[in-house]
Amino acid sequence: MWAKGDVTGLSRTLRGSRHSGSVALDLKSHKTHDCSDIAEVSVELRKRVATDVNNISKLLKKTEELLAHFETEKNDLINDIADVESESTQRHRDVATGGISVYIPPQKISPNRLFMG
């Protein structure tokens, strides 16, 4: 085992190896970067993950609320279209029969019929 800062033994071990040059460069760059305590990094990472999970939960709830709202809007639109279709069909029948108004109950279209591709 080598002491902190002692790379001479490792360099001797790797001498003659095909990786000796790149390992020596890696060791030099390794000595220049800062290290943090694992416990500190772990605590910070847990805080960040907890915050992210909380934000994701809030966004998921908002998305579910919006989807419910859009579903209601879609159903209202389908009902409005069905009413317009019924009125149009009735007017067509009135015109086709020479203006004599005969009550024929309007047919509602199903929501599935509108959105079938």
C-alpha atoms as a PDB file:
ATOM      1  CA  MET A   1       0.000   0.000   0.000  1.00  0.00           C
ATOM      2  CA  TRP A   2       1.201   3.475  -0.775  1.00  0.00           C
ATOM      3  CA  ALA A   3       1.048   6.512   1.459  1.00  0.00           C
ATOM      4  CA  LYS A   4      -0.912   9.567   0.382  1.00  0.00           C
ATOM      5  CA  GLY A   5       1.046  11.459  -2.252  1.00  0.00           C
ATOM      6  CA  ASP A   6       3.443   8.577  -2.893  1.00  0.00           C
ATOM      7  CA  VAL A   7       3.139   7.447  -6.482  1.00  0.00           C
ATOM      8  CA  THR A   8       6.732   6.313  -6.961  1.00  0.00           C
ATOM      9  CA  GLY A   9       5.974   2.708  -6.027  1.00  0.00           C
ATOM     10  CA  LEU A  10       3.015   2.624  -8.359  1.00  0.00           C
ATOM     11  CA  SER A  11       5.038   4.228 -11.132  1.00  0.00           C
ATOM     12  CA  ARG A  12       7.729   1.553 -10.699  1.00  0.00           C
ATOM     13  CA  THR A  13       5.081  -1.159 -10.768  1.00  0.00           C
ATOM     14  CA  LEU A  14       3.557   0.202 -13.962  1.00  0.00           C
ATOM     15  CA  ARG A  15       6.887   0.916 -15.646  1.00  0.00           C
ATOM     16  CA  GLY A  16       7.091  -1.125 -18.788  1.00  0.00           C
ATOM     17  CA  SER A  17       3.328  -1.501 -18.899  1.00  0.00           C
ATOM     18  CA  ARG A  18       1.589  -0.277 -22.054  1.00  0.00           C
ATOM     19  CA  HIS A  19      -0.491   2.056 -19.845  1.00  0.00           C
ATOM     20  CA  SER A  20       2.360   3.578 -17.852  1.00  0.00           C
ATOM     21  CA  GLY A  21       2.226   6.985 -19.573  1.00  0.00           C
ATOM     22  CA  SER A  22      -1.514   7.462 -19.300  1.00  0.00           C
ATOM     23  CA  VAL A  23      -1.628   6.253 -15.704  1.00  0.00           C
ATOM     24  CA  ALA A  24       1.099   8.685 -14.717  1.00  0.00           C
ATOM     25  CA  LEU A  25      -0.920  11.530 -16.270  1.00  0.00           C
ATOM     26  CA  ASP A  26      -4.076  10.320 -14.535  1.00  0.00           C
ATOM     27  CA  LEU A  27      -2.286  10.253 -11.190  1.00  0.00           C
ATOM     28  CA  LYS A  28      -1.040  13.817 -11.657  1.00  0.00           C
ATOM     29  CA  SER A  29      -4.494  15.091 -12.531  1.00  0.00           C
ATOM     30  CA  HIS A  30      -5.987  13.058  -9.692  1.00  0.00           C
ATOM     31  CA  LYS A  31      -3.764  14.836  -7.207  1.00  0.00           C
ATOM     32  CA  THR A  32      -4.997  18.265  -8.375  1.00  0.00           C
ATOM     33  CA  HIS A  33      -8.764  17.842  -7.984  1.00  0.00           C
ATOM     34  CA  ASP A  34     -10.715  18.376  -4.789  1.00  0.00           C
ATOM     35  CA  CYS A  35     -12.323  15.505  -2.931  1.00  0.00           C
ATOM     36  CA  SER A  36     -15.297  15.651  -0.608  1.00  0.00           C
ATOM     37  CA  ASP A  37     -16.226  13.547   2.356  1.00  0.00           C
ATOM     38  CA  ILE A  38     -18.551  10.718   1.322  1.00  0.00           C
ATOM     39  CA  ALA A  39     -20.922  11.399   4.217  1.00  0.00           C
ATOM     40  CA  GLU A  40     -21.272  15.074   3.218  1.00  0.00           C
ATOM     41  CA  VAL A  41     -21.848  14.217  -0.427  1.00  0.00           C
ATOM     42  CA  SER A  42     -24.373  11.569   0.589  1.00  0.00           C
ATOM     43  CA  VAL A  43     -26.358  14.042   2.708  1.00  0.00           C
ATOM     44  CA  GLU A  44     -26.391  16.631  -0.089  1.00  0.00           C
ATOM     45  CA  LEU A  45     -27.409  14.033  -2.661  1.00  0.00           C
ATOM     46  CA  ARG A  46     -30.254  12.824  -0.438  1.00  0.00           C
ATOM     47  CA  LYS A  47     -31.487  16.401  -0.036  1.00  0.00           C
ATOM     48  CA  ARG A  48     -31.352  16.945  -3.778  1.00  0.00           C
ATOM     49  CA  VAL A  49     -33.163  13.669  -4.503  1.00  0.00           C
ATOM     50  CA  ALA A  50     -35.833  14.478  -1.892  1.00  0.00           C
ATOM     51  CA  THR A  51     -36.361  17.915  -3.457  1.00  0.00           C
ATOM     52  CA  ASP A  52     -36.572  16.392  -6.933  1.00  0.00           C
ATOM     53  CA  VAL A  53     -39.067  13.766  -5.779  1.00  0.00           C
ATOM     54  CA  ASN A  54     -41.167  16.468  -4.124  1.00  0.00           C
ATOM     55  CA  ASN A  55     -41.138  18.577  -7.310  1.00  0.00           C
ATOM     56  CA  ILE A  56     -42.032  15.563  -9.450  1.00  0.00           C
ATOM     57  CA  SER A  57     -44.932  14.735  -7.113  1.00  0.00           C
ATOM     58  CA  LYS A  58     -46.262  18.300  -7.383  1.00  0.00           C
ATOM     59  CA  LEU A  59     -45.992  18.244 -11.169  1.00  0.00           C
ATOM     60  CA  LEU A  60     -47.673  14.847 -11.365  1.00  0.00           C
ATOM     61  CA  LYS A  61     -50.594  16.109  -9.253  1.00  0.00           C
ATOM     62  CA  LYS A  62     -50.929  19.198 -11.455  1.00  0.00           C
ATOM     63  CA  THR A  63     -50.821  17.014 -14.587  1.00  0.00           C
ATOM     64  CA  GLU A  64     -53.571  14.774 -13.226  1.00  0.00           C
ATOM     65  CA  GLU A  65     -55.706  17.845 -12.472  1.00  0.00           C
ATOM     66  CA  LEU A  66     -55.160  19.181 -15.988  1.00  0.00           C
ATOM     67  CA  LEU A  67     -56.019  15.826 -17.541  1.00  0.00           C
ATOM     68  CA  ALA A  68     -59.288  15.727 -15.609  1.00  0.00           C
ATOM     69  CA  HIS A  69     -60.061  19.274 -16.754  1.00  0.00           C
ATOM     70  CA  PHE A  70     -59.279  18.395 -20.388  1.00  0.00           C
ATOM     71  CA  GLU A  71     -61.474  15.299 -20.153  1.00  0.00           C
ATOM     72  CA  THR A  72     -64.374  17.468 -18.957  1.00  0.00           C
ATOM     73  CA  GLU A  73     -63.733  19.983 -21.745  1.00  0.00           C
ATOM     74  CA  LYS A  74     -63.591  17.170 -24.309  1.00  0.00           C
ATOM     75  CA  ASN A  75     -66.925  15.749 -23.128  1.00  0.00           C
ATOM     76  CA  ASP A  76     -68.538  19.207 -23.207  1.00  0.00           C
ATOM     77  CA  LEU A  77     -67.278  19.723 -26.756  1.00  0.00           C
ATOM     78  CA  ILE A  78     -68.585  16.321 -27.838  1.00  0.00           C
ATOM     79  CA  ASN A  79     -72.003  17.156 -26.386  1.00  0.00           C
ATOM     80  CA  ASP A  80     -72.024  20.540 -28.159  1.00  0.00           C
ATOM     81  CA  ILE A  81     -71.111  18.903 -31.469  1.00  0.00           C
ATOM     82  CA  ALA A  82     -73.834  16.291 -30.975  1.00  0.00           C
ATOM     83  CA  ASP A  83     -76.392  19.050 -30.337  1.00  0.00           C
ATOM     84  CA  VAL A  84     -75.333  20.903 -33.490  1.00  0.00           C
ATOM     85  CA  GLU A  85     -75.520  17.681 -35.490  1.00  0.00           C
ATOM     86  CA  SER A  86     -79.015  16.955 -34.166  1.00  0.00           C
ATOM     87  CA  GLU A  87     -80.205  20.465 -34.995  1.00  0.00           C
ATOM     88  CA  SER A  88     -78.668  20.262 -38.461  1.00  0.00           C
ATOM     89  CA  THR A  89     -80.284  16.896 -39.101  1.00  0.00           C
ATOM     90  CA  GLN A  90     -83.657  18.242 -37.999  1.00  0.00           C
ATOM     91  CA  ARG A  91     -83.371  21.280 -40.272  1.00  0.00           C
ATOM     92  CA  HIS A  92     -82.367  19.037 -43.173  1.00  0.00           C
ATOM     93  CA  ARG A  93     -85.464  16.910 -42.577  1.00  0.00           C
ATOM     94  CA  ASP A  94     -87.638  20.040 -42.440  1.00  0.00           C
ATOM     95  CA  VAL A  95     -86.269  21.257 -45.749  1.00  0.00           C
ATOM     96  CA  ALA A  96     -86.528  17.783 -47.334  1.00  0.00           C
ATOM     97  CA  THR A  97     -90.197  17.465 -46.318  1.00  0.00           C
ATOM     98  CA  GLY A  98     -91.110  20.848 -47.778  1.00  0.00           C
ATOM     99  CA  GLY A  99     -91.035  22.809 -44.575  1.00  0.00           C
ATOM    100  CA  ILE A 100     -93.497  20.631 -42.762  1.00  0.00           C
ATOM    101  CA  SER A 101     -92.113  20.175 -39.322  1.00  0.00           C
ATOM    102  CA  VAL A 102     -92.454  16.619 -38.176  1.00  0.00           C
ATOM    103  CA  TYR A 103     -90.862  15.869 -34.849  1.00  0.00           C
ATOM    104  CA  ILE A 104     -88.252  13.183 -35.149  1.00  0.00           C
ATOM    105  CA  PRO A 105     -86.261  12.694 -31.972  1.00  0.00           C
ATOM    106  CA  PRO A 106     -82.644  13.737 -32.530  1.00  0.00           C
ATOM    107  CA  GLN A 107     -80.032  11.053 -32.463  1.00  0.00           C
ATOM    108  CA  LYS A 108     -77.114  11.635 -30.200  1.00  0.00           C
ATOM    109  CA  ILE A 109     -73.713  10.618 -31.470  1.00  0.00           C
ATOM    110  CA  SER A 110     -71.502   8.710 -29.151  1.00  0.00           C
ATOM    111  CA  PRO A 111     -68.221  10.291 -28.014  1.00  0.00           C
ATOM    112  CA  ASN A 112     -66.330   7.319 -29.443  1.00  0.00           C
ATOM    113  CA  ARG A 113     -67.724   7.919 -32.915  1.00  0.00           C
ATOM    114  CA  LEU A 114     -66.144  11.378 -33.068  1.00  0.00           C
ATOM    115  CA  PHE A 115     -62.638  10.258 -32.204  1.00  0.00           C
ATOM    116  CA  MET A 116     -62.346   7.076 -34.207  1.00  0.00           C
ATOM    117  CA  GLY A 117     -59.558   7.526 -36.716  1.00  0.00           C
END
